[in-house]
Amino acid sequence: MSGNPYIYLFWMAVVTYAVRVLPLTLLKRRITNPILHSFLYYVPYVTLAVMTFPAMVQATRSPVSGALALAVGAVVAWRGGSLFVVAVSACAVVYLCELSMGM
């Protein structure tokens, strides 16, 4: 990276600000298109999933134990487990899996 880092920071701030302000200034009316409305409804959930799922797999010593904990946590959550129960079950799976693999 050559050049002045403040220039890069300035352009990063401009782009970030533009991404946040342009929709507010260009879209004055309520969104009535059901497809676009549905897409925008799920964007926060997808963003959270994209940041969380790879971190769950890569945070352990072995990606296998992380993937297994992700699967068990998803099943426990699907069956109605609370956040605490899901977290404890995922941690237990990682511990037992890595214990069995000798890590």
PDB file of N, CA and C in Angstrom:
ATOM      1  N   MET A   1       0.844  -1.172   0.000  1.00  0.00           N
ATOM      2  CA  MET A   1       0.000   0.000   0.000  1.00  0.00           C
ATOM      3  C   MET A   1       0.889   1.234   0.000  1.00  0.00           C
ATOM      4  N   SER A   2       0.913   1.924  -1.083  1.00  0.00           N
ATOM      5  CA  SER A   2       1.729   3.130  -1.162  1.00  0.00           C
ATOM      6  C   SER A   2       0.813   4.342  -1.204  1.00  0.00           C
ATOM      7  N   GLY A   3       1.320   5.449  -0.769  1.00  0.00           N
ATOM      8  CA  GLY A   3       0.527   6.665  -0.765  1.00  0.00           C
ATOM      9  C   GLY A   3       0.130   7.052   0.650  1.00  0.00           C
ATOM     10  N   ASN A   4      -0.668   8.077   0.719  1.00  0.00           N
ATOM     11  CA  ASN A   4      -1.107   8.618   1.988  1.00  0.00           C
ATOM     12  C   ASN A   4      -2.287   7.805   2.530  1.00  0.00           C
ATOM     13  N   PRO A   5      -2.162   7.225   3.724  1.00  0.00           N
ATOM     14  CA  PRO A   5      -3.276   6.422   4.255  1.00  0.00           C
ATOM     15  C   PRO A   5      -4.517   7.254   4.564  1.00  0.00           C
ATOM     16  N   TYR A   6      -4.347   8.548   4.766  1.00  0.00           N
ATOM     17  CA  TYR A   6      -5.501   9.402   5.044  1.00  0.00           C
ATOM     18  C   TYR A   6      -6.405   9.541   3.818  1.00  0.00           C
ATOM     19  N   ILE A   7      -5.832   9.419   2.651  1.00  0.00           N
ATOM     20  CA  ILE A   7      -6.647   9.454   1.435  1.00  0.00           C
ATOM     21  C   ILE A   7      -7.529   8.217   1.363  1.00  0.00           C
ATOM     22  N   TYR A   8      -6.957   7.076   1.715  1.00  0.00           N
ATOM     23  CA  TYR A   8      -7.746   5.843   1.728  1.00  0.00           C
ATOM     24  C   TYR A   8      -8.853   5.917   2.772  1.00  0.00           C
ATOM     25  N   LEU A   9      -8.551   6.443   3.927  1.00  0.00           N
ATOM     26  CA  LEU A   9      -9.563   6.599   4.963  1.00  0.00           C
ATOM     27  C   LEU A   9     -10.664   7.562   4.531  1.00  0.00           C
ATOM     28  N   PHE A  10     -10.288   8.632   3.855  1.00  0.00           N
ATOM     29  CA  PHE A  10     -11.279   9.588   3.369  1.00  0.00           C
ATOM     30  C   PHE A  10     -12.233   8.933   2.381  1.00  0.00           C
ATOM     31  N   TRP A  11     -11.700   8.206   1.409  1.00  0.00           N
ATOM     32  CA  TRP A  11     -12.564   7.573   0.413  1.00  0.00           C
ATOM     33  C   TRP A  11     -13.398   6.454   1.024  1.00  0.00           C
ATOM     34  N   MET A  12     -12.860   5.755   1.988  1.00  0.00           N
ATOM     35  CA  MET A  12     -13.643   4.746   2.682  1.00  0.00           C
ATOM     36  C   MET A  12     -14.822   5.397   3.406  1.00  0.00           C
ATOM     37  N   ALA A  13     -14.581   6.534   4.049  1.00  0.00           N
ATOM     38  CA  ALA A  13     -15.658   7.242   4.739  1.00  0.00           C
ATOM     39  C   ALA A  13     -16.702   7.759   3.757  1.00  0.00           C
ATOM     40  N   VAL A  14     -16.258   8.262   2.606  1.00  0.00           N
ATOM     41  CA  VAL A  14     -17.193   8.756   1.596  1.00  0.00           C
ATOM     42  C   VAL A  14     -18.082   7.629   1.076  1.00  0.00           C
ATOM     43  N   VAL A  15     -17.481   6.496   0.756  1.00  0.00           N
ATOM     44  CA  VAL A  15     -18.250   5.371   0.228  1.00  0.00           C
ATOM     45  C   VAL A  15     -19.221   4.833   1.286  1.00  0.00           C
ATOM     46  N   THR A  16     -18.765   4.702   2.515  1.00  0.00           N
ATOM     47  CA  THR A  16     -19.629   4.217   3.588  1.00  0.00           C
ATOM     48  C   THR A  16     -20.790   5.171   3.825  1.00  0.00           C
ATOM     49  N   TYR A  17     -20.514   6.455   3.836  1.00  0.00           N
ATOM     50  CA  TYR A  17     -21.556   7.454   4.033  1.00  0.00           C
ATOM     51  C   TYR A  17     -22.536   7.442   2.867  1.00  0.00           C
ATOM     52  N   ALA A  18     -22.037   7.323   1.643  1.00  0.00           N
ATOM     53  CA  ALA A  18     -22.911   7.310   0.471  1.00  0.00           C
ATOM     54  C   ALA A  18     -23.839   6.103   0.470  1.00  0.00           C
ATOM     55  N   VAL A  19     -23.323   4.953   0.878  1.00  0.00           N
ATOM     56  CA  VAL A  19     -24.151   3.748   0.918  1.00  0.00           C
ATOM     57  C   VAL A  19     -25.285   3.909   1.924  1.00  0.00           C
ATOM     58  N   ARG A  20     -25.053   4.621   2.990  1.00  0.00           N
ATOM     59  CA  ARG A  20     -26.077   4.799   4.015  1.00  0.00           C
ATOM     60  C   ARG A  20     -27.035   5.940   3.707  1.00  0.00           C
ATOM     61  N   VAL A  21     -26.571   6.999   3.057  1.00  0.00           N
ATOM     62  CA  VAL A  21     -27.401   8.179   2.849  1.00  0.00           C
ATOM     63  C   VAL A  21     -28.193   8.121   1.546  1.00  0.00           C
ATOM     64  N   LEU A  22     -27.631   7.563   0.500  1.00  0.00           N
ATOM     65  CA  LEU A  22     -28.328   7.565  -0.786  1.00  0.00           C
ATOM     66  C   LEU A  22     -29.699   6.883  -0.746  1.00  0.00           C
ATOM     67  N   PRO A  23     -29.863   5.742  -0.111  1.00  0.00           N
ATOM     68  CA  PRO A  23     -31.218   5.183  -0.058  1.00  0.00           C
ATOM     69  C   PRO A  23     -32.204   6.080   0.681  1.00  0.00           C
ATOM     70  N   LEU A  24     -31.738   6.795   1.700  1.00  0.00           N
ATOM     71  CA  LEU A  24     -32.635   7.688   2.429  1.00  0.00           C
ATOM     72  C   LEU A  24     -33.047   8.887   1.592  1.00  0.00           C
ATOM     73  N   THR A  25     -32.160   9.352   0.733  1.00  0.00           N
ATOM     74  CA  THR A  25     -32.481  10.531  -0.072  1.00  0.00           C
ATOM     75  C   THR A  25     -33.205  10.170  -1.371  1.00  0.00           C
ATOM     76  N   LEU A  26     -32.934   9.004  -1.920  1.00  0.00           N
ATOM     77  CA  LEU A  26     -33.545   8.640  -3.198  1.00  0.00           C
ATOM     78  C   LEU A  26     -34.902   7.961  -3.041  1.00  0.00           C
ATOM     79  N   LEU A  27     -35.115   7.263  -1.960  1.00  0.00           N
ATOM     80  CA  LEU A  27     -36.378   6.549  -1.758  1.00  0.00           C
ATOM     81  C   LEU A  27     -37.255   7.326  -0.781  1.00  0.00           C
ATOM     82  N   LYS A  28     -38.125   8.164  -1.327  1.00  0.00           N
ATOM     83  CA  LYS A  28     -39.000   8.976  -0.487  1.00  0.00           C
ATOM     84  C   LYS A  28     -40.293   8.239  -0.159  1.00  0.00           C
ATOM     85  N   ARG A  29     -40.727   7.381  -1.087  1.00  0.00           N
ATOM     86  CA  ARG A  29     -41.990   6.679  -0.893  1.00  0.00           C
ATOM     87  C   ARG A  29     -41.764   5.355  -0.182  1.00  0.00           C
ATOM     88  N   ARG A  30     -42.847   4.789   0.296  1.00  0.00           N
ATOM     89  CA  ARG A  30     -42.809   3.472   0.915  1.00  0.00           C
ATOM     90  C   ARG A  30     -42.601   2.422  -0.176  1.00  0.00           C
ATOM     91  N   ILE A  31     -41.813   1.378   0.133  1.00  0.00           N
ATOM     92  CA  ILE A  31     -41.541   0.321  -0.835  1.00  0.00           C
ATOM     93  C   ILE A  31     -42.779  -0.568  -0.928  1.00  0.00           C
ATOM     94  N   THR A  32     -43.352  -0.657  -2.117  1.00  0.00           N
ATOM     95  CA  THR A  32     -44.577  -1.447  -2.309  1.00  0.00           C
ATOM     96  C   THR A  32     -44.330  -2.743  -3.063  1.00  0.00           C
ATOM     97  N   ASN A  33     -43.174  -2.866  -3.675  1.00  0.00           N
ATOM     98  CA  ASN A  33     -42.853  -4.090  -4.400  1.00  0.00           C
ATOM     99  C   ASN A  33     -42.648  -5.220  -3.384  1.00  0.00           C
ATOM    100  N   PRO A  34     -43.459  -6.287  -3.447  1.00  0.00           N
ATOM    101  CA  PRO A  34     -43.339  -7.331  -2.425  1.00  0.00           C
ATOM    102  C   PRO A  34     -42.018  -8.103  -2.489  1.00  0.00           C
ATOM    103  N   ILE A  35     -41.462  -8.266  -3.663  1.00  0.00           N
ATOM    104  CA  ILE A  35     -40.192  -8.985  -3.784  1.00  0.00           C
ATOM    105  C   ILE A  35     -39.061  -8.172  -3.159  1.00  0.00           C
ATOM    106  N   LEU A  36     -38.991  -6.893  -3.478  1.00  0.00           N
ATOM    107  CA  LEU A  36     -37.961  -6.028  -2.903  1.00  0.00           C
ATOM    108  C   LEU A  36     -38.157  -5.881  -1.394  1.00  0.00           C
ATOM    109  N   HIS A  37     -39.399  -5.759  -0.972  1.00  0.00           N
ATOM    110  CA  HIS A  37     -39.692  -5.637   0.448  1.00  0.00           C
ATOM    111  C   HIS A  37     -39.255  -6.902   1.202  1.00  0.00           C
ATOM    112  N   SER A  38     -39.535  -8.067   0.633  1.00  0.00           N
ATOM    113  CA  SER A  38     -39.131  -9.327   1.251  1.00  0.00           C
ATOM    114  C   SER A  38     -37.610  -9.450   1.283  1.00  0.00           C
ATOM    115  N   PHE A  39     -36.948  -9.060   0.203  1.00  0.00           N
ATOM    116  CA  PHE A  39     -35.488  -9.101   0.154  1.00  0.00           C
ATOM    117  C   PHE A  39     -34.887  -8.219   1.242  1.00  0.00           C
ATOM    118  N   LEU A  40     -35.375  -7.003   1.381  1.00  0.00           N
ATOM    119  CA  LEU A  40     -34.840  -6.082   2.378  1.00  0.00           C
ATOM    120  C   LEU A  40     -35.170  -6.520   3.798  1.00  0.00           C
ATOM    121  N   TYR A  41     -36.241  -7.264   3.962  1.00  0.00           N
ATOM    122  CA  TYR A  41     -36.606  -7.765   5.283  1.00  0.00           C
ATOM    123  C   TYR A  41     -35.573  -8.778   5.787  1.00  0.00           C
ATOM    124  N   TYR A  42     -35.062  -9.620   4.897  1.00  0.00           N
ATOM    125  CA  TYR A  42     -34.155 -10.691   5.306  1.00  0.00           C
ATOM    126  C   TYR A  42     -32.682 -10.301   5.273  1.00  0.00           C
ATOM    127  N   VAL A  43     -32.327  -9.139   4.810  1.00  0.00           N
ATOM    128  CA  VAL A  43     -30.928  -8.725   4.712  1.00  0.00           C
ATOM    129  C   VAL A  43     -30.211  -8.751   6.068  1.00  0.00           C
ATOM    130  N   PRO A  44     -30.795  -8.226   7.164  1.00  0.00           N
ATOM    131  CA  PRO A  44     -30.057  -8.289   8.443  1.00  0.00           C
ATOM    132  C   PRO A  44     -29.784  -9.720   8.904  1.00  0.00           C
ATOM    133  N   TYR A  45     -30.729 -10.637   8.697  1.00  0.00           N
ATOM    134  CA  TYR A  45     -30.538 -12.017   9.124  1.00  0.00           C
ATOM    135  C   TYR A  45     -29.445 -12.697   8.300  1.00  0.00           C
ATOM    136  N   VAL A  46     -29.424 -12.442   7.015  1.00  0.00           N
ATOM    137  CA  VAL A  46     -28.409 -13.042   6.152  1.00  0.00           C
ATOM    138  C   VAL A  46     -27.031 -12.490   6.492  1.00  0.00           C
ATOM    139  N   THR A  47     -26.961 -11.197   6.758  1.00  0.00           N
ATOM    140  CA  THR A  47     -25.681 -10.591   7.119  1.00  0.00           C
ATOM    141  C   THR A  47     -25.141 -11.191   8.416  1.00  0.00           C
ATOM    142  N   LEU A  48     -26.013 -11.358   9.391  1.00  0.00           N
ATOM    143  CA  LEU A  48     -25.591 -11.974  10.650  1.00  0.00           C
ATOM    144  C   LEU A  48     -25.141 -13.411  10.432  1.00  0.00           C
ATOM    145  N   ALA A  49     -25.859 -14.153   9.604  1.00  0.00           N
ATOM    146  CA  ALA A  49     -25.489 -15.541   9.337  1.00  0.00           C
ATOM    147  C   ALA A  49     -24.151 -15.630   8.612  1.00  0.00           C
ATOM    148  N   VAL A  50     -23.925 -14.742   7.671  1.00  0.00           N
ATOM    149  CA  VAL A  50     -22.671 -14.760   6.910  1.00  0.00           C
ATOM    150  C   VAL A  50     -21.482 -14.450   7.810  1.00  0.00           C
ATOM    151  N   MET A  51     -21.682 -13.610   8.821  1.00  0.00           N
ATOM    152  CA  MET A  51     -20.586 -13.307   9.735  1.00  0.00           C
ATOM    153  C   MET A  51     -20.424 -14.375  10.809  1.00  0.00           C
ATOM    154  N   THR A  52     -21.511 -15.033  11.213  1.00  0.00           N
ATOM    155  CA  THR A  52     -21.465 -15.941  12.350  1.00  0.00           C
ATOM    156  C   THR A  52     -21.052 -17.355  11.970  1.00  0.00           C
ATOM    157  N   PHE A  53     -21.625 -17.917  10.912  1.00  0.00           N
ATOM    158  CA  PHE A  53     -21.390 -19.330  10.596  1.00  0.00           C
ATOM    159  C   PHE A  53     -19.931 -19.649  10.283  1.00  0.00           C
ATOM    160  N   PRO A  54     -19.227 -18.880   9.469  1.00  0.00           N
ATOM    161  CA  PRO A  54     -17.802 -19.207   9.258  1.00  0.00           C
ATOM    162  C   PRO A  54     -16.983 -19.077  10.536  1.00  0.00           C
ATOM    163  N   ALA A  55     -17.326 -18.113  11.382  1.00  0.00           N
ATOM    164  CA  ALA A  55     -16.590 -17.944  12.630  1.00  0.00           C
ATOM    165  C   ALA A  55     -16.799 -19.130  13.554  1.00  0.00           C
ATOM    166  N   MET A  56     -17.990 -19.713  13.535  1.00  0.00           N
ATOM    167  CA  MET A  56     -18.244 -20.876  14.382  1.00  0.00           C
ATOM    168  C   MET A  56     -17.404 -22.058  13.943  1.00  0.00           C
ATOM    169  N   VAL A  57     -17.237 -22.231  12.660  1.00  0.00           N
ATOM    170  CA  VAL A  57     -16.468 -23.370  12.160  1.00  0.00           C
ATOM    171  C   VAL A  57     -14.972 -23.146  12.353  1.00  0.00           C
ATOM    172  N   GLN A  58     -14.503 -21.925  12.220  1.00  0.00           N
ATOM    173  CA  GLN A  58     -13.076 -21.646  12.281  1.00  0.00           C
ATOM    174  C   GLN A  58     -12.572 -21.317  13.685  1.00  0.00           C
ATOM    175  N   ALA A  59     -13.455 -21.172  14.669  1.00  0.00           N
ATOM    176  CA  ALA A  59     -13.033 -20.783  16.014  1.00  0.00           C
ATOM    177  C   ALA A  59     -12.505 -21.951  16.823  1.00  0.00           C
ATOM    178  N   THR A  60     -12.710 -23.148  16.361  1.00  0.00           N
ATOM    179  CA  THR A  60     -12.253 -24.316  17.107  1.00  0.00           C
ATOM    180  C   THR A  60     -10.924 -24.809  16.543  1.00  0.00           C
ATOM    181  N   ARG A  61     -10.335 -25.778  17.209  1.00  0.00           N
ATOM    182  CA  ARG A  61      -9.068 -26.322  16.726  1.00  0.00           C
ATOM    183  C   ARG A  61      -9.249 -27.118  15.452  1.00  0.00           C
ATOM    184  N   SER A  62     -10.408 -27.723  15.312  1.00  0.00           N
ATOM    185  CA  SER A  62     -10.691 -28.521  14.130  1.00  0.00           C
ATOM    186  C   SER A  62     -11.992 -28.028  13.494  1.00  0.00           C
ATOM    187  N   PRO A  63     -12.017 -27.804  12.198  1.00  0.00           N
ATOM    188  CA  PRO A  63     -13.265 -27.392  11.549  1.00  0.00           C
ATOM    189  C   PRO A  63     -14.379 -28.432  11.677  1.00  0.00           C
ATOM    190  N   VAL A  64     -13.999 -29.690  11.867  1.00  0.00           N
ATOM    191  CA  VAL A  64     -15.004 -30.747  12.016  1.00  0.00           C
ATOM    192  C   VAL A  64     -15.803 -30.533  13.297  1.00  0.00           C
ATOM    193  N   SER A  65     -15.127 -30.213  14.397  1.00  0.00           N
ATOM    194  CA  SER A  65     -15.842 -29.997  15.652  1.00  0.00           C
ATOM    195  C   SER A  65     -16.704 -28.746  15.585  1.00  0.00           C
ATOM    196  N   GLY A  66     -16.243 -27.713  14.895  1.00  0.00           N
ATOM    197  CA  GLY A  66     -17.049 -26.513  14.726  1.00  0.00           C
ATOM    198  C   GLY A  66     -18.287 -26.759  13.888  1.00  0.00           C
ATOM    199  N   ALA A  67     -18.127 -27.511  12.802  1.00  0.00           N
ATOM    200  CA  ALA A  67     -19.273 -27.828  11.947  1.00  0.00           C
ATOM    201  C   ALA A  67     -20.270 -28.726  12.674  1.00  0.00           C
ATOM    202  N   LEU A  68     -19.758 -29.662  13.456  1.00  0.00           N
ATOM    203  CA  LEU A  68     -20.642 -30.534  14.225  1.00  0.00           C
ATOM    204  C   LEU A  68     -21.390 -29.744  15.294  1.00  0.00           C
ATOM    205  N   ALA A  69     -20.724 -28.822  15.950  1.00  0.00           N
ATOM    206  CA  ALA A  69     -21.381 -27.971  16.942  1.00  0.00           C
ATOM    207  C   ALA A  69     -22.426 -27.078  16.287  1.00  0.00           C
ATOM    208  N   LEU A  70     -22.128 -26.580  15.091  1.00  0.00           N
ATOM    209  CA  LEU A  70     -23.106 -25.779  14.356  1.00  0.00           C
ATOM    210  C   LEU A  70     -24.343 -26.598  14.039  1.00  0.00           C
ATOM    211  N   ALA A  71     -24.155 -27.824  13.604  1.00  0.00           N
ATOM    212  CA  ALA A  71     -25.292 -28.682  13.270  1.00  0.00           C
ATOM    213  C   ALA A  71     -26.123 -29.011  14.514  1.00  0.00           C
ATOM    214  N   VAL A  72     -25.447 -29.357  15.603  1.00  0.00           N
ATOM    215  CA  VAL A  72     -26.170 -29.683  16.838  1.00  0.00           C
ATOM    216  C   VAL A  72     -26.886 -28.449  17.376  1.00  0.00           C
ATOM    217  N   GLY A  73     -26.233 -27.310  17.347  1.00  0.00           N
ATOM    218  CA  GLY A  73     -26.873 -26.077  17.798  1.00  0.00           C
ATOM    219  C   GLY A  73     -28.092 -25.720  16.966  1.00  0.00           C
ATOM    220  N   ALA A  74     -28.008 -25.931  15.664  1.00  0.00           N
ATOM    221  CA  ALA A  74     -29.164 -25.650  14.797  1.00  0.00           C
ATOM    222  C   ALA A  74     -30.325 -26.582  15.106  1.00  0.00           C
ATOM    223  N   VAL A  75     -30.021 -27.855  15.346  1.00  0.00           N
ATOM    224  CA  VAL A  75     -31.086 -28.812  15.680  1.00  0.00           C
ATOM    225  C   VAL A  75     -31.722 -28.471  17.019  1.00  0.00           C
ATOM    226  N   VAL A  76     -30.916 -28.136  18.009  1.00  0.00           N
ATOM    227  CA  VAL A  76     -31.458 -27.785  19.325  1.00  0.00           C
ATOM    228  C   VAL A  76     -32.303 -26.517  19.233  1.00  0.00           C
ATOM    229  N   ALA A  77     -31.843 -25.536  18.466  1.00  0.00           N
ATOM    230  CA  ALA A  77     -32.622 -24.305  18.294  1.00  0.00           C
ATOM    231  C   ALA A  77     -33.914 -24.581  17.530  1.00  0.00           C
ATOM    232  N   TRP A  78     -33.841 -25.430  16.522  1.00  0.00           N
ATOM    233  CA  TRP A  78     -35.027 -25.775  15.734  1.00  0.00           C
ATOM    234  C   TRP A  78     -36.081 -26.458  16.606  1.00  0.00           C
ATOM    235  N   ARG A  79     -35.620 -27.225  17.569  1.00  0.00           N
ATOM    236  CA  ARG A  79     -36.549 -27.945  18.445  1.00  0.00           C
ATOM    237  C   ARG A  79     -37.029 -27.096  19.607  1.00  0.00           C
ATOM    238  N   GLY A  80     -36.653 -25.818  19.641  1.00  0.00           N
ATOM    239  CA  GLY A  80     -37.195 -24.894  20.628  1.00  0.00           C
ATOM    240  C   GLY A  80     -36.310 -24.633  21.825  1.00  0.00           C
ATOM    241  N   GLY A  81     -35.049 -24.974  21.748  1.00  0.00           N
ATOM    242  CA  GLY A  81     -34.138 -24.721  22.861  1.00  0.00           C
ATOM    243  C   GLY A  81     -33.852 -23.239  23.022  1.00  0.00           C
ATOM    244  N   SER A  82     -33.646 -22.819  24.256  1.00  0.00           N
ATOM    245  CA  SER A  82     -33.319 -21.422  24.509  1.00  0.00           C
ATOM    246  C   SER A  82     -31.895 -21.127  24.044  1.00  0.00           C
ATOM    247  N   LEU A  83     -31.534 -19.866  24.051  1.00  0.00           N
ATOM    248  CA  LEU A  83     -30.193 -19.478  23.626  1.00  0.00           C
ATOM    249  C   LEU A  83     -29.133 -20.103  24.520  1.00  0.00           C
ATOM    250  N   PHE A  84     -29.406 -20.167  25.815  1.00  0.00           N
ATOM    251  CA  PHE A  84     -28.468 -20.770  26.747  1.00  0.00           C
ATOM    252  C   PHE A  84     -28.292 -22.261  26.457  1.00  0.00           C
ATOM    253  N   VAL A  85     -29.381 -22.960  26.218  1.00  0.00           N
ATOM    254  CA  VAL A  85     -29.318 -24.399  25.939  1.00  0.00           C
ATOM    255  C   VAL A  85     -28.576 -24.655  24.634  1.00  0.00           C
ATOM    256  N   VAL A  86     -28.818 -23.837  23.622  1.00  0.00           N
ATOM    257  CA  VAL A  86     -28.122 -23.988  22.344  1.00  0.00           C
ATOM    258  C   VAL A  86     -26.623 -23.763  22.524  1.00  0.00           C
ATOM    259  N   ALA A  87     -26.249 -22.718  23.260  1.00  0.00           N
ATOM    260  CA  ALA A  87     -24.831 -22.418  23.463  1.00  0.00           C
ATOM    261  C   ALA A  87     -24.135 -23.519  24.258  1.00  0.00           C
ATOM    262  N   VAL A  88     -24.789 -24.005  25.309  1.00  0.00           N
ATOM    263  CA  VAL A  88     -24.182 -25.060  26.123  1.00  0.00           C
ATOM    264  C   VAL A  88     -24.045 -26.353  25.325  1.00  0.00           C
ATOM    265  N   SER A  89     -25.051 -26.676  24.536  1.00  0.00           N
ATOM    266  CA  SER A  89     -24.963 -27.904  23.739  1.00  0.00           C
ATOM    267  C   SER A  89     -23.867 -27.802  22.679  1.00  0.00           C
ATOM    268  N   ALA A  90     -23.732 -26.649  22.050  1.00  0.00           N
ATOM    269  CA  ALA A  90     -22.672 -26.479  21.058  1.00  0.00           C
ATOM    270  C   ALA A  90     -21.294 -26.547  21.707  1.00  0.00           C
ATOM    271  N   CYS A  91     -21.146 -25.929  22.873  1.00  0.00           N
ATOM    272  CA  CYS A  91     -19.861 -25.994  23.582  1.00  0.00           C
ATOM    273  C   CYS A  91     -19.540 -27.421  24.007  1.00  0.00           C
ATOM    274  N   ALA A  92     -20.549 -28.146  24.461  1.00  0.00           N
ATOM    275  CA  ALA A  92     -20.331 -29.533  24.865  1.00  0.00           C
ATOM    276  C   ALA A  92     -19.916 -30.399  23.685  1.00  0.00           C
ATOM    277  N   VAL A  93     -20.519 -30.165  22.533  1.00  0.00           N
ATOM    278  CA  VAL A  93     -20.163 -30.934  21.341  1.00  0.00           C
ATOM    279  C   VAL A  93     -18.726 -30.649  20.935  1.00  0.00           C
ATOM    280  N   VAL A  94     -18.318 -29.388  20.965  1.00  0.00           N
ATOM    281  CA  VAL A  94     -16.934 -29.054  20.621  1.00  0.00           C
ATOM    282  C   VAL A  94     -15.976 -29.709  21.610  1.00  0.00           C
ATOM    283  N   TYR A  95     -16.294 -29.622  22.892  1.00  0.00           N
ATOM    284  CA  TYR A  95     -15.415 -30.216  23.909  1.00  0.00           C
ATOM    285  C   TYR A  95     -15.294 -31.726  23.724  1.00  0.00           C
ATOM    286  N   LEU A  96     -16.414 -32.390  23.563  1.00  0.00           N
ATOM    287  CA  LEU A  96     -16.383 -33.854  23.413  1.00  0.00           C
ATOM    288  C   LEU A  96     -15.729 -34.291  22.111  1.00  0.00           C
ATOM    289  N   CYS A  97     -15.981 -33.556  21.057  1.00  0.00           N
ATOM    290  CA  CYS A  97     -15.391 -33.903  19.761  1.00  0.00           C
ATOM    291  C   CYS A  97     -13.871 -33.739  19.793  1.00  0.00           C
ATOM    292  N   GLU A  98     -13.401 -32.635  20.345  1.00  0.00           N
ATOM    293  CA  GLU A  98     -11.958 -32.420  20.406  1.00  0.00           C
ATOM    294  C   GLU A  98     -11.299 -33.321  21.436  1.00  0.00           C
ATOM    295  N   LEU A  99     -12.021 -33.673  22.474  1.00  0.00           N
ATOM    296  CA  LEU A  99     -11.491 -34.631  23.448  1.00  0.00           C
ATOM    297  C   LEU A  99     -11.319 -36.006  22.815  1.00  0.00           C
ATOM    298  N   SER A 100     -12.298 -36.392  21.990  1.00  0.00           N
ATOM    299  CA  SER A 100     -12.215 -37.705  21.336  1.00  0.00           C
ATOM    300  C   SER A 100     -11.143 -37.735  20.241  1.00  0.00           C
ATOM    301  N   MET A 101     -10.846 -36.581  19.657  1.00  0.00           N
ATOM    302  CA  MET A 101      -9.814 -36.535  18.618  1.00  0.00           C
ATOM    303  C   MET A 101      -8.425 -36.324  19.214  1.00  0.00           C
ATOM    304  N   GLY A 102      -8.334 -36.161  20.526  1.00  0.00           N
ATOM    305  CA  GLY A 102      -7.040 -36.014  21.179  1.00  0.00           C
ATOM    306  C   GLY A 102      -6.436 -34.638  21.072  1.00  0.00           C
ATOM    307  N   MET A 103      -7.248 -33.624  20.966  1.00  0.00           N
ATOM    308  CA  MET A 103      -6.736 -32.257  20.845  1.00  0.00           C
ATOM    309  C   MET A 103      -6.759 -31.548  22.166  1.00  0.00           C
TER     310      MET A 103
END
